[in-house]
Amino acid sequence: MKNKVSIITGAAQGIGLATALQCGAEGAIVAVCNLRADGVDAALAQLQATSAQAPGYALNVTDREASHVNGAVLEVSGGVTV
């Protein structure tokens, strides 16, 4: 997973958070997405404590306007690879 790029939705808790933390621990760049901004902040704090690279986005993935995340991740890291 080293230097691979992933977008994890629902990353503030449960399986989403566990997946984000595991990917980060293996060296992936993890884009953290969640509906609530406080959840994004908490997940980012955990990821960054492990030195993982992780941008965060508070959004509703069912909203068409949320598709801007793909462009943001592309700009930050060159695109999604996982």
Protein backbone atom coordinates (compact mmCIF):
# COMPACT_ATOMS: atom_id res chain seq x y z
CA MET A 1 0.00 0.00 0.00
CA LYS A 2 3.01 2.31 0.25
CA ASN A 3 2.26 5.56 -1.59
CA LYS A 4 -1.03 4.23 -2.97
CA VAL A 5 -3.93 6.68 -2.78
CA SER A 6 -7.38 5.79 -1.48
CA ILE A 7 -10.63 7.57 -0.71
CA ILE A 8 -12.36 6.13 2.36
CA THR A 9 -15.99 7.12 2.96
CA GLY A 10 -17.58 6.78 6.37
CA ALA A 11 -14.04 7.10 7.72
CA ALA A 12 -14.97 8.58 11.11
CA GLN A 13 -15.97 5.33 12.78
CA GLY A 14 -16.38 1.60 12.49
CA ILE A 15 -15.19 -0.25 9.40
CA GLY A 16 -14.41 3.00 7.55
CA LEU A 17 -12.11 4.23 10.31
CA ALA A 18 -10.48 0.83 10.70
CA THR A 19 -9.86 0.68 6.94
CA ALA A 20 -8.41 4.19 6.88
CA LEU A 21 -6.11 3.45 9.81
CA GLN A 22 -4.92 0.18 8.27
CA CYS A 23 -4.25 1.79 4.88
CA GLY A 24 -2.40 4.64 6.59
CA ALA A 25 -0.35 2.20 8.67
CA GLU A 26 0.70 0.46 5.46
CA GLY A 27 1.90 3.73 3.94
CA ALA A 28 -1.08 4.74 1.81
CA ILE A 29 -2.26 8.31 1.37
CA VAL A 30 -5.82 8.23 2.71
CA ALA A 31 -8.48 10.77 1.78
CA VAL A 32 -10.86 10.72 4.75
CA CYS A 33 -14.51 11.44 3.94
CA ASN A 34 -17.40 11.63 6.35
CA LEU A 35 -20.68 13.47 6.72
CA ARG A 36 -19.67 15.21 9.95
CA ALA A 37 -16.68 17.56 10.09
CA ASP A 38 -15.91 16.64 13.70
CA GLY A 39 -15.65 13.00 12.65
CA VAL A 40 -13.25 13.93 9.85
CA ASP A 41 -11.12 15.91 12.30
CA ALA A 42 -10.99 13.01 14.78
CA ALA A 43 -10.05 10.49 12.08
CA LEU A 44 -7.38 12.82 10.70
CA ALA A 45 -5.89 13.25 14.16
CA GLN A 46 -5.58 9.48 14.53
CA LEU A 47 -4.06 9.05 11.07
CA GLN A 48 -1.64 11.93 11.42
CA ALA A 49 -0.48 10.58 14.79
CA THR A 50 0.88 7.62 12.80
CA SER A 51 2.57 9.96 10.27
CA ALA A 52 0.09 8.98 7.56
CA GLN A 53 -0.66 11.52 4.84
CA ALA A 54 -4.37 12.23 4.99
CA PRO A 55 -6.49 15.05 3.57
CA GLY A 56 -10.01 15.24 4.98
CA TYR A 57 -13.38 16.15 3.52
CA ALA A 58 -16.71 16.66 5.29
CA LEU A 59 -19.39 15.82 2.73
CA ASN A 60 -22.42 13.75 1.88
CA VAL A 61 -21.27 11.22 -0.72
CA THR A 62 -24.83 10.90 -2.05
CA ASP A 63 -24.77 14.57 -3.09
CA ARG A 64 -23.60 15.22 -6.67
CA GLU A 65 -21.57 18.18 -5.46
CA ALA A 66 -19.43 15.77 -3.44
CA SER A 67 -17.75 14.64 -6.65
CA HIS A 68 -15.32 17.56 -6.23
CA VAL A 69 -13.37 15.27 -3.89
CA ASN A 70 -12.11 13.28 -6.87
CA GLY A 71 -10.60 16.42 -8.36
CA ALA A 72 -9.17 17.53 -5.03
CA VAL A 73 -7.53 14.15 -4.47
CA LEU A 74 -6.18 14.20 -8.02
CA GLU A 75 -4.68 17.65 -7.41
CA VAL A 76 -3.15 16.70 -4.04
CA SER A 77 -1.83 13.24 -4.83
CA GLY A 78 -2.06 12.54 -8.55
CA GLY A 79 -5.18 10.38 -8.45
CA VAL A 80 -6.73 7.39 -6.74
CA THR A 81 -4.80 4.14 -7.08
CA VAL A 82 -6.72 1.83 -4.69
